[in-house]
Amino acid sequence: MGYIEELRALIGHRPVILVGALAIIKNEKNEVLLQKCRQPKGCWGLPGGLMELGESAEETARREVWEETGLTIGSCRLLDVLSGPDTYVKVPNGDEFYAVTIVYETNEFSGEIRANPEESLDVRFFPINELPEQMIQSHCCVIEKHIKPSPPL
């Protein structure tokens, strides 16, 4: 049983604050890496997830990227911290939380891209002005805020 499951066993569905990290990974073509998530089913999003006990935010981003995509990221830059009432989530099982999400950016990565079947249906790079329609809304907002699409030719 993980940290969140242990916490939920004690407090039930009450709202909590959960800290996580996302990574914007760009390749040499300035395309952004997205994963097609199992949850929410079929939505595309940035690699990332929740912090484990004893982890730094950057360690969380690195671990989640590796688990979800098979890539190891090099140096990364702190880009944003998202928090507040707009980050409230109530999941289908009734659990409630406010997310504090730390966003990192990098173009340094190594390894071979692979989707972890436990978490992802697909992983690939997308041109910034050709992102999939079915995206996690908060991830879409992060991308729109921090990556400017190229003007059409």
C-alpha atoms as a PDB file:
ATOM      1  CA  MET A   1       0.000   0.000   0.000  1.00  0.00           C
ATOM      2  CA  GLY A   2       1.386   3.411  -0.996  1.00  0.00           C
ATOM      3  CA  TYR A   3       1.403   6.669   0.924  1.00  0.00           C
ATOM      4  CA  ILE A   4      -1.834   8.023  -0.607  1.00  0.00           C
ATOM      5  CA  GLU A   5      -3.691   4.755   0.004  1.00  0.00           C
ATOM      6  CA  GLU A   6      -2.517   4.724   3.642  1.00  0.00           C
ATOM      7  CA  LEU A   7      -3.612   8.339   4.059  1.00  0.00           C
ATOM      8  CA  ARG A   8      -7.027   7.623   2.546  1.00  0.00           C
ATOM      9  CA  ALA A   9      -7.505   4.657   4.893  1.00  0.00           C
ATOM     10  CA  LEU A  10      -7.189   7.103   7.791  1.00  0.00           C
ATOM     11  CA  ILE A  11      -9.178  10.080   6.488  1.00  0.00           C
ATOM     12  CA  GLY A  12     -11.607   8.648   3.964  1.00  0.00           C
ATOM     13  CA  HIS A  13     -12.696  10.948   1.138  1.00  0.00           C
ATOM     14  CA  ARG A  14     -11.999  14.275   2.931  1.00  0.00           C
ATOM     15  CA  PRO A  15     -10.133  16.934   0.942  1.00  0.00           C
ATOM     16  CA  VAL A  16      -6.344  16.849   1.243  1.00  0.00           C
ATOM     17  CA  ILE A  17      -3.462  18.702  -0.376  1.00  0.00           C
ATOM     18  CA  LEU A  18      -1.431  16.507  -2.734  1.00  0.00           C
ATOM     19  CA  VAL A  19       1.889  17.586  -4.218  1.00  0.00           C
ATOM     20  CA  GLY A  20       2.977  16.439  -7.651  1.00  0.00           C
ATOM     21  CA  ALA A  21       5.293  17.302 -10.503  1.00  0.00           C
ATOM     22  CA  LEU A  22       4.963  17.537 -14.283  1.00  0.00           C
ATOM     23  CA  ALA A  23       7.680  17.670 -16.913  1.00  0.00           C
ATOM     24  CA  ILE A  24       7.543  19.513 -20.210  1.00  0.00           C
ATOM     25  CA  ILE A  25      10.044  17.628 -22.355  1.00  0.00           C
ATOM     26  CA  LYS A  26      10.871  19.124 -25.744  1.00  0.00           C
ATOM     27  CA  ASN A  27      12.891  17.533 -28.541  1.00  0.00           C
ATOM     28  CA  GLU A  28      15.166  19.199 -31.116  1.00  0.00           C
ATOM     29  CA  LYS A  29      12.097  20.063 -33.253  1.00  0.00           C
ATOM     30  CA  ASN A  30      10.537  21.877 -30.263  1.00  0.00           C
ATOM     31  CA  GLU A  31       7.842  19.187 -30.062  1.00  0.00           C
ATOM     32  CA  VAL A  32       6.437  18.317 -26.630  1.00  0.00           C
ATOM     33  CA  LEU A  33       6.273  14.796 -25.196  1.00  0.00           C
ATOM     34  CA  LEU A  34       2.783  13.629 -24.188  1.00  0.00           C
ATOM     35  CA  GLN A  35       1.413  10.377 -22.873  1.00  0.00           C
ATOM     36  CA  LYS A  36      -2.015   8.930 -23.518  1.00  0.00           C
ATOM     37  CA  CYS A  37      -3.135   8.173 -19.978  1.00  0.00           C
ATOM     38  CA  ARG A  38      -5.044   5.207 -18.628  1.00  0.00           C
ATOM     39  CA  GLN A  39      -6.703   7.611 -16.145  1.00  0.00           C
ATOM     40  CA  PRO A  40      -8.479   9.766 -17.154  1.00  0.00           C
ATOM     41  CA  LYS A  41      -9.020   7.176 -19.854  1.00  0.00           C
ATOM     42  CA  GLY A  42      -7.655   8.115 -23.237  1.00  0.00           C
ATOM     43  CA  CYS A  43      -6.706  11.691 -22.346  1.00  0.00           C
ATOM     44  CA  TRP A  44      -3.296  12.976 -23.334  1.00  0.00           C
ATOM     45  CA  GLY A  45      -1.127  14.736 -20.774  1.00  0.00           C
ATOM     46  CA  LEU A  46       2.361  15.597 -19.657  1.00  0.00           C
ATOM     47  CA  PRO A  47       4.383  12.966 -17.830  1.00  0.00           C
ATOM     48  CA  GLY A  48       4.188  13.423 -14.077  1.00  0.00           C
ATOM     49  CA  GLY A  49       2.580  12.298 -10.885  1.00  0.00           C
ATOM     50  CA  LEU A  50       2.388  12.527  -7.121  1.00  0.00           C
ATOM     51  CA  MET A  51       5.289  12.929  -4.734  1.00  0.00           C
ATOM     52  CA  GLU A  52       6.283  10.003  -2.520  1.00  0.00           C
ATOM     53  CA  LEU A  53       7.437  10.460   1.075  1.00  0.00           C
ATOM     54  CA  GLY A  54      11.027  11.705   1.246  1.00  0.00           C
ATOM     55  CA  GLU A  55      11.218  12.799  -2.407  1.00  0.00           C
ATOM     56  CA  SER A  56      12.046  16.255  -3.664  1.00  0.00           C
ATOM     57  CA  ALA A  57       9.794  17.731  -6.343  1.00  0.00           C
ATOM     58  CA  GLU A  58      12.538  17.332  -8.944  1.00  0.00           C
ATOM     59  CA  GLU A  59      13.062  13.685  -7.927  1.00  0.00           C
ATOM     60  CA  THR A  60       9.316  13.172  -8.358  1.00  0.00           C
ATOM     61  CA  ALA A  61       9.427  14.559 -11.899  1.00  0.00           C
ATOM     62  CA  ARG A  62      12.451  12.414 -12.793  1.00  0.00           C
ATOM     63  CA  ARG A  63      10.912   9.232 -11.354  1.00  0.00           C
ATOM     64  CA  GLU A  64       7.543   9.773 -12.997  1.00  0.00           C
ATOM     65  CA  VAL A  65       9.113  10.546 -16.394  1.00  0.00           C
ATOM     66  CA  TRP A  66      11.181   7.377 -16.210  1.00  0.00           C
ATOM     67  CA  GLU A  67       8.248   5.221 -15.030  1.00  0.00           C
ATOM     68  CA  GLU A  68       5.820   6.545 -17.647  1.00  0.00           C
ATOM     69  CA  THR A  69       8.063   7.059 -20.678  1.00  0.00           C
ATOM     70  CA  GLY A  70      11.319   5.120 -20.210  1.00  0.00           C
ATOM     71  CA  LEU A  71      13.312   8.342 -20.533  1.00  0.00           C
ATOM     72  CA  THR A  72      15.885   9.756 -18.153  1.00  0.00           C
ATOM     73  CA  ILE A  73      15.870  13.543 -18.055  1.00  0.00           C
ATOM     74  CA  GLY A  74      19.005  15.659 -17.694  1.00  0.00           C
ATOM     75  CA  SER A  75      19.088  19.143 -16.259  1.00  0.00           C
ATOM     76  CA  CYS A  76      15.688  20.703 -15.846  1.00  0.00           C
ATOM     77  CA  ARG A  77      14.404  24.146 -15.031  1.00  0.00           C
ATOM     78  CA  LEU A  78      11.653  25.044 -12.587  1.00  0.00           C
ATOM     79  CA  LEU A  79       8.927  26.610 -14.694  1.00  0.00           C
ATOM     80  CA  ASP A  80       5.850  27.085 -12.512  1.00  0.00           C
ATOM     81  CA  VAL A  81       4.017  26.125  -9.330  1.00  0.00           C
ATOM     82  CA  LEU A  82       0.253  25.714  -9.640  1.00  0.00           C
ATOM     83  CA  SER A  83      -2.012  25.825  -6.591  1.00  0.00           C
ATOM     84  CA  GLY A  84      -5.210  27.327  -5.288  1.00  0.00           C
ATOM     85  CA  PRO A  85      -8.961  26.825  -5.623  1.00  0.00           C
ATOM     86  CA  ASP A  86      -8.740  26.052  -9.354  1.00  0.00           C
ATOM     87  CA  THR A  87      -6.750  22.896  -8.560  1.00  0.00           C
ATOM     88  CA  TYR A  88      -9.614  21.189  -6.666  1.00  0.00           C
ATOM     89  CA  VAL A  89     -10.416  17.688  -7.916  1.00  0.00           C
ATOM     90  CA  LYS A  90     -13.077  15.181  -6.935  1.00  0.00           C
ATOM     91  CA  VAL A  91     -12.416  11.770  -8.455  1.00  0.00           C
ATOM     92  CA  PRO A  92     -15.132   9.222  -9.301  1.00  0.00           C
ATOM     93  CA  ASN A  93     -14.587   7.235  -6.073  1.00  0.00           C
ATOM     94  CA  GLY A  94     -15.365  10.374  -4.014  1.00  0.00           C
ATOM     95  CA  ASP A  95     -11.803  11.270  -2.967  1.00  0.00           C
ATOM     96  CA  GLU A  96     -11.238  15.037  -2.909  1.00  0.00           C
ATOM     97  CA  PHE A  97      -7.969  16.939  -3.154  1.00  0.00           C
ATOM     98  CA  TYR A  98      -6.304  20.217  -3.981  1.00  0.00           C
ATOM     99  CA  ALA A  99      -3.229  19.741  -6.147  1.00  0.00           C
ATOM    100  CA  VAL A 100       0.018  21.622  -5.773  1.00  0.00           C
ATOM    101  CA  THR A 101       1.790  20.945  -9.062  1.00  0.00           C
ATOM    102  CA  ILE A 102       5.409  21.833  -9.696  1.00  0.00           C
ATOM    103  CA  VAL A 103       6.220  22.116 -13.403  1.00  0.00           C
ATOM    104  CA  TYR A 104       9.694  21.519 -14.832  1.00  0.00           C
ATOM    105  CA  GLU A 105      10.997  21.963 -18.371  1.00  0.00           C
ATOM    106  CA  THR A 106      13.866  20.215 -20.140  1.00  0.00           C
ATOM    107  CA  ASN A 107      15.196  19.396 -23.570  1.00  0.00           C
ATOM    108  CA  GLU A 108      17.830  17.023 -22.186  1.00  0.00           C
ATOM    109  CA  PHE A 109      16.779  13.387 -22.156  1.00  0.00           C
ATOM    110  CA  SER A 110      18.137   9.957 -22.963  1.00  0.00           C
ATOM    111  CA  GLY A 111      16.746   6.472 -23.389  1.00  0.00           C
ATOM    112  CA  GLU A 112      14.196   4.894 -25.655  1.00  0.00           C
ATOM    113  CA  ILE A 113      10.581   6.061 -25.451  1.00  0.00           C
ATOM    114  CA  ARG A 114       8.218   3.334 -24.316  1.00  0.00           C
ATOM    115  CA  ALA A 115       4.756   3.445 -22.815  1.00  0.00           C
ATOM    116  CA  ASN A 116       4.436   1.778 -19.416  1.00  0.00           C
ATOM    117  CA  PRO A 117       1.268  -0.307 -19.915  1.00  0.00           C
ATOM    118  CA  GLU A 118       0.262   0.182 -16.263  1.00  0.00           C
ATOM    119  CA  GLU A 119       0.034   3.963 -16.750  1.00  0.00           C
ATOM    120  CA  SER A 120       0.114   4.882 -20.441  1.00  0.00           C
ATOM    121  CA  LEU A 121      -1.548   3.751 -23.634  1.00  0.00           C
ATOM    122  CA  ASP A 122       0.927   5.660 -25.847  1.00  0.00           C
ATOM    123  CA  VAL A 123       3.832   8.102 -25.548  1.00  0.00           C
ATOM    124  CA  ARG A 124       5.037  10.407 -28.324  1.00  0.00           C
ATOM    125  CA  PHE A 125       6.151  13.883 -29.316  1.00  0.00           C
ATOM    126  CA  PHE A 126       3.667  16.351 -30.797  1.00  0.00           C
ATOM    127  CA  PRO A 127       4.254  19.626 -32.633  1.00  0.00           C
ATOM    128  CA  ILE A 128       3.108  22.364 -30.295  1.00  0.00           C
ATOM    129  CA  ASN A 129       0.451  23.607 -32.729  1.00  0.00           C
ATOM    130  CA  GLU A 130      -0.873  20.068 -33.384  1.00  0.00           C
ATOM    131  CA  LEU A 131      -1.709  18.862 -29.887  1.00  0.00           C
ATOM    132  CA  PRO A 132      -4.416  16.192 -29.505  1.00  0.00           C
ATOM    133  CA  GLU A 133      -7.954  17.410 -28.812  1.00  0.00           C
ATOM    134  CA  GLN A 134      -8.553  15.112 -25.851  1.00  0.00           C
ATOM    135  CA  MET A 135      -6.092  16.509 -23.294  1.00  0.00           C
ATOM    136  CA  ILE A 136      -6.107  16.892 -19.523  1.00  0.00           C
ATOM    137  CA  GLN A 137      -7.319  20.476 -19.194  1.00  0.00           C
ATOM    138  CA  SER A 138      -4.793  21.583 -16.576  1.00  0.00           C
ATOM    139  CA  HIS A 139      -1.918  20.190 -18.672  1.00  0.00           C
ATOM    140  CA  CYS A 140      -3.236  21.983 -21.738  1.00  0.00           C
ATOM    141  CA  CYS A 141      -3.275  25.234 -19.754  1.00  0.00           C
ATOM    142  CA  VAL A 142       0.342  24.688 -18.631  1.00  0.00           C
ATOM    143  CA  ILE A 143       1.457  24.150 -22.221  1.00  0.00           C
ATOM    144  CA  GLU A 144      -0.477  27.180 -23.495  1.00  0.00           C
ATOM    145  CA  LYS A 145       0.968  29.351 -20.725  1.00  0.00           C
ATOM    146  CA  HIS A 146       4.601  28.347 -21.207  1.00  0.00           C
ATOM    147  CA  ILE A 147       5.101  27.234 -24.798  1.00  0.00           C
ATOM    148  CA  LYS A 148       4.221  29.585 -27.586  1.00  0.00           C
ATOM    149  CA  PRO A 149       3.101  27.801 -30.772  1.00  0.00           C
ATOM    150  CA  SER A 150       4.768  28.712 -34.018  1.00  0.00           C
ATOM    151  CA  PRO A 151       2.682  30.996 -36.243  1.00  0.00           C
ATOM    152  CA  PRO A 152       1.188  29.224 -39.274  1.00  0.00           C
ATOM    153  CA  LEU A 153       3.158  29.469 -42.516  1.00  0.00           C
END
